[in-house]
Amino acid sequence: MTPSVFDGLEAVDETTYCVELGANAEQALKKHWDSFITRDDFIWLANVGINAVRMLRS
């Protein structure tokens, strides 16, 4: 996870992030997940020769 998602918090991982934010954690994490990987990331991967990406749904 990108460090900016932890700005202003004592949390250092997703579990402590959820504990610290409580009910607000889900909304904040969804916003992060929806914007963390972009089309530009896939363009960069293709340009450096990566031709497959494994995507998991949790």
Protein backbone atom coordinates (compact mmCIF):
# COMPACT_ATOMS: atom_id res chain seq x y z
CA MET A 1 0.00 0.00 0.00
CA THR A 2 1.19 3.45 -0.77
CA PRO A 3 2.43 5.36 2.28
CA SER A 4 0.10 8.32 1.61
CA VAL A 5 -2.91 6.21 2.54
CA PHE A 6 -1.44 6.14 6.07
CA ASP A 7 -0.87 9.92 6.36
CA GLY A 8 -1.90 11.18 9.79
CA LEU A 9 -2.40 7.69 11.23
CA GLU A 10 -0.35 5.49 13.53
CA ALA A 11 -1.30 2.42 11.46
CA VAL A 12 1.46 0.62 9.55
CA ASP A 13 -0.58 -2.08 7.79
CA GLU A 14 -4.11 -2.70 6.55
CA THR A 15 -5.22 -4.45 9.73
CA THR A 16 -4.18 -1.65 12.08
CA TYR A 17 -5.51 0.86 9.52
CA CYS A 18 -8.97 -0.73 9.80
CA VAL A 19 -8.79 -0.80 13.58
CA GLU A 20 -7.74 2.86 13.76
CA LEU A 21 -10.33 4.14 11.27
CA GLY A 22 -13.13 1.83 12.38
CA ALA A 23 -16.30 2.31 10.34
CA ASN A 24 -14.55 4.80 8.01
CA ALA A 25 -11.91 2.30 6.91
CA GLU A 26 -13.94 0.58 4.20
CA GLN A 27 -14.82 3.80 2.36
CA ALA A 28 -11.23 5.10 2.58
CA LEU A 29 -9.76 1.81 1.36
CA LYS A 30 -12.23 1.52 -1.53
CA LYS A 31 -11.26 5.03 -2.66
CA HIS A 32 -7.59 4.00 -2.49
CA TRP A 33 -8.15 0.70 -4.31
CA ASP A 34 -10.16 2.38 -7.08
CA SER A 35 -7.39 4.86 -7.84
CA PHE A 36 -4.11 3.14 -6.92
CA ILE A 37 -3.58 1.24 -10.20
CA THR A 38 -4.35 3.22 -13.35
CA ARG A 39 -4.32 2.74 -17.11
CA ASP A 40 -0.90 4.42 -17.17
CA ASP A 41 0.46 1.63 -14.97
CA PHE A 42 -0.61 -0.96 -17.55
CA ILE A 43 0.91 1.10 -20.35
CA TRP A 44 4.20 1.24 -18.43
CA LEU A 45 4.10 -2.54 -17.84
CA ALA A 46 3.59 -3.19 -21.56
CA ASN A 47 6.39 -0.80 -22.47
CA VAL A 48 8.86 -2.66 -20.23
CA GLY A 49 7.89 -6.03 -21.70
CA ILE A 50 5.36 -7.34 -19.17
CA ASN A 51 2.70 -9.20 -21.16
CA ALA A 52 0.59 -10.74 -18.40
CA VAL A 53 -0.94 -9.48 -15.18
CA ARG A 54 -2.56 -11.68 -12.57
CA MET A 55 -5.60 -10.06 -11.01
CA LEU A 56 -7.19 -11.41 -7.87
CA ARG A 57 -10.53 -10.48 -6.48
CA SER A 58 -10.82 -10.54 -2.74
